[in-house]
Amino acid sequence: MYRVFEALDELVTILEEARGVPMTSNCIVPRGDALELLDEVRDALPGELDDAQDVLDKKDELVGKAEHDA
């Protein structure tokens, strides 16, 4: 899980150091580096988070059906 925070810190650094686009608040970010870090974050997150989201989605579905039936 520590890798998640490390990768997020690297993403923040990339954005902070990115070259700005004149006359806008936009910047140019190295796409490959950012996507690689995001993949690392995704891989570092435990699979249980996906399972937990499935449970929450099912709960919302059941509560919605119950409210509709009531």
PDB file of N, CA and C in Angstrom:
ATOM      1  N   MET A   1       0.827  -1.193   0.000  1.00  0.00           N
ATOM      2  CA  MET A   1       0.000   0.000   0.000  1.00  0.00           C
ATOM      3  C   MET A   1       0.877   1.265   0.000  1.00  0.00           C
ATOM      4  N   TYR A   2       2.078   1.131   0.552  1.00  0.00           N
ATOM      5  CA  TYR A   2       2.984   2.280   0.572  1.00  0.00           C
ATOM      6  C   TYR A   2       3.279   2.760  -0.839  1.00  0.00           C
ATOM      7  N   ARG A   3       3.338   1.842  -1.796  1.00  0.00           N
ATOM      8  CA  ARG A   3       3.640   2.212  -3.187  1.00  0.00           C
ATOM      9  C   ARG A   3       2.578   3.143  -3.742  1.00  0.00           C
ATOM     10  N   VAL A   4       1.348   3.021  -3.287  1.00  0.00           N
ATOM     11  CA  VAL A   4       0.278   3.913  -3.743  1.00  0.00           C
ATOM     12  C   VAL A   4       0.638   5.352  -3.416  1.00  0.00           C
ATOM     13  N   PHE A   5       1.031   5.589  -2.183  1.00  0.00           N
ATOM     14  CA  PHE A   5       1.360   6.950  -1.758  1.00  0.00           C
ATOM     15  C   PHE A   5       2.624   7.461  -2.449  1.00  0.00           C
ATOM     16  N   GLU A   6       3.569   6.572  -2.639  1.00  0.00           N
ATOM     17  CA  GLU A   6       4.804   6.944  -3.329  1.00  0.00           C
ATOM     18  C   GLU A   6       4.507   7.361  -4.774  1.00  0.00           C
ATOM     19  N   ALA A   7       3.678   6.575  -5.472  1.00  0.00           N
ATOM     20  CA  ALA A   7       3.325   6.884  -6.858  1.00  0.00           C
ATOM     21  C   ALA A   7       2.521   8.179  -6.933  1.00  0.00           C
ATOM     22  N   LEU A   8       1.619   8.389  -5.990  1.00  0.00           N
ATOM     23  CA  LEU A   8       0.844   9.633  -5.980  1.00  0.00           C
ATOM     24  C   LEU A   8       1.754  10.836  -5.755  1.00  0.00           C
ATOM     25  N   ASP A   9       2.733  10.685  -4.877  1.00  0.00           N
ATOM     26  CA  ASP A   9       3.700  11.767  -4.663  1.00  0.00           C
ATOM     27  C   ASP A   9       4.476  12.058  -5.946  1.00  0.00           C
ATOM     28  N   GLU A  10       4.845  11.015  -6.683  1.00  0.00           N
ATOM     29  CA  GLU A  10       5.556  11.208  -7.948  1.00  0.00           C
ATOM     30  C   GLU A  10       4.665  11.923  -8.965  1.00  0.00           C
ATOM     31  N   LEU A  11       3.386  11.581  -8.994  1.00  0.00           N
ATOM     32  CA  LEU A  11       2.461  12.268  -9.903  1.00  0.00           C
ATOM     33  C   LEU A  11       2.349  13.752  -9.558  1.00  0.00           C
ATOM     34  N   VAL A  12       2.272  14.047  -8.277  1.00  0.00           N
ATOM     35  CA  VAL A  12       2.207  15.445  -7.845  1.00  0.00           C
ATOM     36  C   VAL A  12       3.469  16.183  -8.289  1.00  0.00           C
ATOM     37  N   THR A  13       4.610  15.558  -8.131  1.00  0.00           N
ATOM     38  CA  THR A  13       5.869  16.170  -8.546  1.00  0.00           C
ATOM     39  C   THR A  13       5.882  16.425 -10.049  1.00  0.00           C
ATOM     40  N   ILE A  14       5.414  15.445 -10.828  1.00  0.00           N
ATOM     41  CA  ILE A  14       5.354  15.617 -12.283  1.00  0.00           C
ATOM     42  C   ILE A  14       4.491  16.822 -12.638  1.00  0.00           C
ATOM     43  N   LEU A  15       3.349  16.945 -11.989  1.00  0.00           N
ATOM     44  CA  LEU A  15       2.453  18.067 -12.287  1.00  0.00           C
ATOM     45  C   LEU A  15       3.035  19.399 -11.836  1.00  0.00           C
ATOM     46  N   GLU A  16       3.682  19.397 -10.684  1.00  0.00           N
ATOM     47  CA  GLU A  16       4.274  20.638 -10.188  1.00  0.00           C
ATOM     48  C   GLU A  16       5.417  21.115 -11.087  1.00  0.00           C
ATOM     49  N   GLU A  17       6.144  20.171 -11.668  1.00  0.00           N
ATOM     50  CA  GLU A  17       7.294  20.526 -12.494  1.00  0.00           C
ATOM     51  C   GLU A  17       6.966  20.606 -13.984  1.00  0.00           C
ATOM     52  N   ALA A  18       5.715  20.344 -14.330  1.00  0.00           N
ATOM     53  CA  ALA A  18       5.326  20.346 -15.743  1.00  0.00           C
ATOM     54  C   ALA A  18       5.441  21.750 -16.326  1.00  0.00           C
ATOM     55  N   ARG A  19       5.804  21.782 -17.589  1.00  0.00           N
ATOM     56  CA  ARG A  19       5.943  23.059 -18.294  1.00  0.00           C
ATOM     57  C   ARG A  19       4.557  23.646 -18.528  1.00  0.00           C
ATOM     58  N   GLY A  20       4.393  24.902 -18.180  1.00  0.00           N
ATOM     59  CA  GLY A  20       3.112  25.565 -18.353  1.00  0.00           C
ATOM     60  C   GLY A  20       2.856  25.962 -19.797  1.00  0.00           C
ATOM     61  N   VAL A  21       1.586  26.010 -20.160  1.00  0.00           N
ATOM     62  CA  VAL A  21       1.172  26.497 -21.473  1.00  0.00           C
ATOM     63  C   VAL A  21       0.878  27.987 -21.315  1.00  0.00           C
ATOM     64  N   PRO A  22       1.552  28.826 -22.084  1.00  0.00           N
ATOM     65  CA  PRO A  22       1.368  30.270 -21.932  1.00  0.00           C
ATOM     66  C   PRO A  22      -0.107  30.696 -22.061  1.00  0.00           C
ATOM     67  N   MET A  23      -0.465  31.660 -21.251  1.00  0.00           N
ATOM     68  CA  MET A  23      -1.790  32.288 -21.283  1.00  0.00           C
ATOM     69  C   MET A  23      -2.903  31.353 -20.803  1.00  0.00           C
ATOM     70  N   THR A  24      -2.560  30.216 -20.174  1.00  0.00           N
ATOM     71  CA  THR A  24      -3.561  29.298 -19.625  1.00  0.00           C
ATOM     72  C   THR A  24      -3.061  28.769 -18.290  1.00  0.00           C
ATOM     73  N   SER A  25      -3.925  28.043 -17.617  1.00  0.00           N
ATOM     74  CA  SER A  25      -3.511  27.360 -16.381  1.00  0.00           C
ATOM     75  C   SER A  25      -3.163  25.904 -16.669  1.00  0.00           C
ATOM     76  N   ASN A  26      -3.082  25.549 -17.946  1.00  0.00           N
ATOM     77  CA  ASN A  26      -2.762  24.178 -18.346  1.00  0.00           C
ATOM     78  C   ASN A  26      -1.265  23.943 -18.334  1.00  0.00           C
ATOM     79  N   CYS A  27      -0.907  22.663 -18.390  1.00  0.00           N
ATOM     80  CA  CYS A  27       0.504  22.313 -18.458  1.00  0.00           C
ATOM     81  C   CYS A  27       0.680  21.087 -19.352  1.00  0.00           C
ATOM     82  N   ILE A  28       1.928  20.852 -19.741  1.00  0.00           N
ATOM     83  CA  ILE A  28       2.250  19.705 -20.580  1.00  0.00           C
ATOM     84  C   ILE A  28       2.864  18.642 -19.683  1.00  0.00           C
ATOM     85  N   VAL A  29       2.213  17.490 -19.646  1.00  0.00           N
ATOM     86  CA  VAL A  29       2.631  16.399 -18.772  1.00  0.00           C
ATOM     87  C   VAL A  29       3.092  15.234 -19.635  1.00  0.00           C
ATOM     88  N   PRO A  30       4.201  14.605 -19.271  1.00  0.00           N
ATOM     89  CA  PRO A  30       4.637  13.423 -20.019  1.00  0.00           C
ATOM     90  C   PRO A  30       3.641  12.276 -19.821  1.00  0.00           C
ATOM     91  N   ARG A  31       2.865  12.016 -20.845  1.00  0.00           N
ATOM     92  CA  ARG A  31       1.770  11.054 -20.762  1.00  0.00           C
ATOM     93  C   ARG A  31       2.239   9.675 -20.300  1.00  0.00           C
ATOM     94  N   GLY A  32       3.338   9.199 -20.890  1.00  0.00           N
ATOM     95  CA  GLY A  32       3.824   7.863 -20.549  1.00  0.00           C
ATOM     96  C   GLY A  32       4.167   7.727 -19.080  1.00  0.00           C
ATOM     97  N   ASP A  33       4.831   8.735 -18.526  1.00  0.00           N
ATOM     98  CA  ASP A  33       5.197   8.693 -17.106  1.00  0.00           C
ATOM     99  C   ASP A  33       3.959   8.687 -16.218  1.00  0.00           C
ATOM    100  N   ALA A  34       3.000   9.552 -16.539  1.00  0.00           N
ATOM    101  CA  ALA A  34       1.789   9.640 -15.734  1.00  0.00           C
ATOM    102  C   ALA A  34       0.987   8.344 -15.815  1.00  0.00           C
ATOM    103  N   LEU A  35       0.843   7.797 -17.012  1.00  0.00           N
ATOM    104  CA  LEU A  35       0.084   6.548 -17.158  1.00  0.00           C
ATOM    105  C   LEU A  35       0.769   5.386 -16.452  1.00  0.00           C
ATOM    106  N   GLU A  36       2.085   5.368 -16.495  1.00  0.00           N
ATOM    107  CA  GLU A  36       2.831   4.308 -15.809  1.00  0.00           C
ATOM    108  C   GLU A  36       2.595   4.374 -14.298  1.00  0.00           C
ATOM    109  N   LEU A  37       2.636   5.568 -13.748  1.00  0.00           N
ATOM    110  CA  LEU A  37       2.400   5.724 -12.318  1.00  0.00           C
ATOM    111  C   LEU A  37       0.969   5.360 -11.950  1.00  0.00           C
ATOM    112  N   LEU A  38       0.012   5.740 -12.782  1.00  0.00           N
ATOM    113  CA  LEU A  38      -1.379   5.383 -12.507  1.00  0.00           C
ATOM    114  C   LEU A  38      -1.588   3.874 -12.563  1.00  0.00           C
ATOM    115  N   ASP A  39      -0.911   3.204 -13.480  1.00  0.00           N
ATOM    116  CA  ASP A  39      -0.978   1.742 -13.528  1.00  0.00           C
ATOM    117  C   ASP A  39      -0.400   1.136 -12.250  1.00  0.00           C
ATOM    118  N   GLU A  40       0.691   1.706 -11.765  1.00  0.00           N
ATOM    119  CA  GLU A  40       1.286   1.221 -10.523  1.00  0.00           C
ATOM    120  C   GLU A  40       0.323   1.401  -9.347  1.00  0.00           C
ATOM    121  N   VAL A  41      -0.363   2.530  -9.308  1.00  0.00           N
ATOM    122  CA  VAL A  41      -1.339   2.764  -8.242  1.00  0.00           C
ATOM    123  C   VAL A  41      -2.443   1.722  -8.330  1.00  0.00           C
ATOM    124  N   ARG A  42      -2.958   1.509  -9.517  1.00  0.00           N
ATOM    125  CA  ARG A  42      -4.030   0.534  -9.710  1.00  0.00           C
ATOM    126  C   ARG A  42      -3.583  -0.854  -9.265  1.00  0.00           C
ATOM    127  N   ASP A  43      -2.373  -1.238  -9.642  1.00  0.00           N
ATOM    128  CA  ASP A  43      -1.868  -2.562  -9.281  1.00  0.00           C
ATOM    129  C   ASP A  43      -1.592  -2.696  -7.781  1.00  0.00           C
ATOM    130  N   ALA A  44      -1.250  -1.597  -7.134  1.00  0.00           N
ATOM    131  CA  ALA A  44      -0.910  -1.638  -5.716  1.00  0.00           C
ATOM    132  C   ALA A  44      -2.141  -1.655  -4.811  1.00  0.00           C
ATOM    133  N   LEU A  45      -3.292  -1.229  -5.338  1.00  0.00           N
ATOM    134  CA  LEU A  45      -4.504  -1.237  -4.521  1.00  0.00           C
ATOM    135  C   LEU A  45      -4.983  -2.673  -4.331  1.00  0.00           C
ATOM    136  N   PRO A  46      -5.377  -3.017  -3.119  1.00  0.00           N
ATOM    137  CA  PRO A  46      -5.835  -4.383  -2.876  1.00  0.00           C
ATOM    138  C   PRO A  46      -7.126  -4.694  -3.631  1.00  0.00           C
ATOM    139  N   GLY A  47      -7.254  -5.929  -4.063  1.00  0.00           N
ATOM    140  CA  GLY A  47      -8.447  -6.371  -4.783  1.00  0.00           C
ATOM    141  C   GLY A  47      -9.709  -6.251  -3.957  1.00  0.00           C
ATOM    142  N   GLU A  48      -9.561  -6.237  -2.644  1.00  0.00           N
ATOM    143  CA  GLU A  48     -10.723  -6.121  -1.766  1.00  0.00           C
ATOM    144  C   GLU A  48     -11.466  -4.805  -1.974  1.00  0.00           C
ATOM    145  N   LEU A  49     -10.767  -3.778  -2.453  1.00  0.00           N
ATOM    146  CA  LEU A  49     -11.448  -2.508  -2.716  1.00  0.00           C
ATOM    147  C   LEU A  49     -12.473  -2.660  -3.830  1.00  0.00           C
ATOM    148  N   ASP A  50     -12.138  -3.419  -4.845  1.00  0.00           N
ATOM    149  CA  ASP A  50     -13.083  -3.676  -5.931  1.00  0.00           C
ATOM    150  C   ASP A  50     -14.266  -4.487  -5.417  1.00  0.00           C
ATOM    151  N   ASP A  51     -13.985  -5.495  -4.585  1.00  0.00           N
ATOM    152  CA  ASP A  51     -15.056  -6.296  -3.995  1.00  0.00           C
ATOM    153  C   ASP A  51     -15.965  -5.440  -3.123  1.00  0.00           C
ATOM    154  N   ALA A  52     -15.367  -4.525  -2.361  1.00  0.00           N
ATOM    155  CA  ALA A  52     -16.149  -3.643  -1.493  1.00  0.00           C
ATOM    156  C   ALA A  52     -17.058  -2.742  -2.325  1.00  0.00           C
ATOM    157  N   GLN A  53     -16.564  -2.260  -3.462  1.00  0.00           N
ATOM    158  CA  GLN A  53     -17.392  -1.419  -4.329  1.00  0.00           C
ATOM    159  C   GLN A  53     -18.567  -2.214  -4.868  1.00  0.00           C
ATOM    160  N   ASP A  54     -18.347  -3.478  -5.199  1.00  0.00           N
ATOM    161  CA  ASP A  54     -19.441  -4.333  -5.658  1.00  0.00           C
ATOM    162  C   ASP A  54     -20.512  -4.476  -4.582  1.00  0.00           C
ATOM    163  N   VAL A  55     -20.084  -4.633  -3.333  1.00  0.00           N
ATOM    164  CA  VAL A  55     -21.034  -4.743  -2.216  1.00  0.00           C
ATOM    165  C   VAL A  55     -21.829  -3.451  -2.073  1.00  0.00           C
ATOM    166  N   LEU A  56     -21.144  -2.306  -2.159  1.00  0.00           N
ATOM    167  CA  LEU A  56     -21.843  -1.024  -2.049  1.00  0.00           C
ATOM    168  C   LEU A  56     -22.831  -0.822  -3.192  1.00  0.00           C
ATOM    169  N   ASP A  57     -22.449  -1.220  -4.405  1.00  0.00           N
ATOM    170  CA  ASP A  57     -23.361  -1.103  -5.544  1.00  0.00           C
ATOM    171  C   ASP A  57     -24.599  -1.957  -5.333  1.00  0.00           C
ATOM    172  N   LYS A  58     -24.418  -3.166  -4.820  1.00  0.00           N
ATOM    173  CA  LYS A  58     -25.548  -4.072  -4.567  1.00  0.00           C
ATOM    174  C   LYS A  58     -26.451  -3.495  -3.477  1.00  0.00           C
ATOM    175  N   LYS A  59     -25.827  -2.912  -2.435  1.00  0.00           N
ATOM    176  CA  LYS A  59     -26.602  -2.286  -1.364  1.00  0.00           C
ATOM    177  C   LYS A  59     -27.471  -1.165  -1.920  1.00  0.00           C
ATOM    178  N   ASP A  60     -26.885  -0.311  -2.764  1.00  0.00           N
ATOM    179  CA  ASP A  60     -27.643   0.794  -3.353  1.00  0.00           C
ATOM    180  C   ASP A  60     -28.800   0.267  -4.194  1.00  0.00           C
ATOM    181  N   GLU A  61     -28.550  -0.807  -4.913  1.00  0.00           N
ATOM    182  CA  GLU A  61     -29.598  -1.410  -5.732  1.00  0.00           C
ATOM    183  C   GLU A  61     -30.734  -1.937  -4.855  1.00  0.00           C
ATOM    184  N   LEU A  62     -30.394  -2.616  -3.763  1.00  0.00           N
ATOM    185  CA  LEU A  62     -31.414  -3.174  -2.866  1.00  0.00           C
ATOM    186  C   LEU A  62     -32.208  -2.071  -2.163  1.00  0.00           C
ATOM    187  N   VAL A  63     -31.496  -1.023  -1.703  1.00  0.00           N
ATOM    188  CA  VAL A  63     -32.183   0.087  -1.035  1.00  0.00           C
ATOM    189  C   VAL A  63     -33.105   0.803  -2.028  1.00  0.00           C
ATOM    190  N   GLY A  64     -32.641   1.012  -3.230  1.00  0.00           N
ATOM    191  CA  GLY A  64     -33.479   1.661  -4.246  1.00  0.00           C
ATOM    192  C   GLY A  64     -34.725   0.851  -4.547  1.00  0.00           C
ATOM    193  N   LYS A  65     -34.565  -0.462  -4.670  1.00  0.00           N
ATOM    194  CA  LYS A  65     -35.722  -1.336  -4.933  1.00  0.00           C
ATOM    195  C   LYS A  65     -36.687  -1.305  -3.755  1.00  0.00           C
ATOM    196  N   ALA A  66     -36.147  -1.351  -2.523  1.00  0.00           N
ATOM    197  CA  ALA A  66     -36.990  -1.319  -1.336  1.00  0.00           C
ATOM    198  C   ALA A  66     -37.764  -0.004  -1.242  1.00  0.00           C
ATOM    199  N   GLU A  67     -37.101   1.106  -1.547  1.00  0.00           N
ATOM    200  CA  GLU A  67     -37.793   2.405  -1.528  1.00  0.00           C
ATOM    201  C   GLU A  67     -38.871   2.464  -2.598  1.00  0.00           C
ATOM    202  N   HIS A  68     -38.598   1.908  -3.738  1.00  0.00           N
ATOM    203  CA  HIS A  68     -39.574   1.889  -4.825  1.00  0.00           C
ATOM    204  C   HIS A  68     -40.794   1.046  -4.450  1.00  0.00           C
ATOM    205  N   ASP A  69     -40.527  -0.116  -3.847  1.00  0.00           N
ATOM    206  CA  ASP A  69     -41.617  -1.007  -3.440  1.00  0.00           C
ATOM    207  C   ASP A  69     -42.430  -0.434  -2.290  1.00  0.00           C
ATOM    208  N   ALA A  70     -41.795   0.354  -1.437  1.00  0.00           N
ATOM    209  CA  ALA A  70     -42.488   0.933  -0.273  1.00  0.00           C
ATOM    210  C   ALA A  70     -43.351   2.060  -0.780  1.00  0.00           C
TER     211      ALA A  70
END
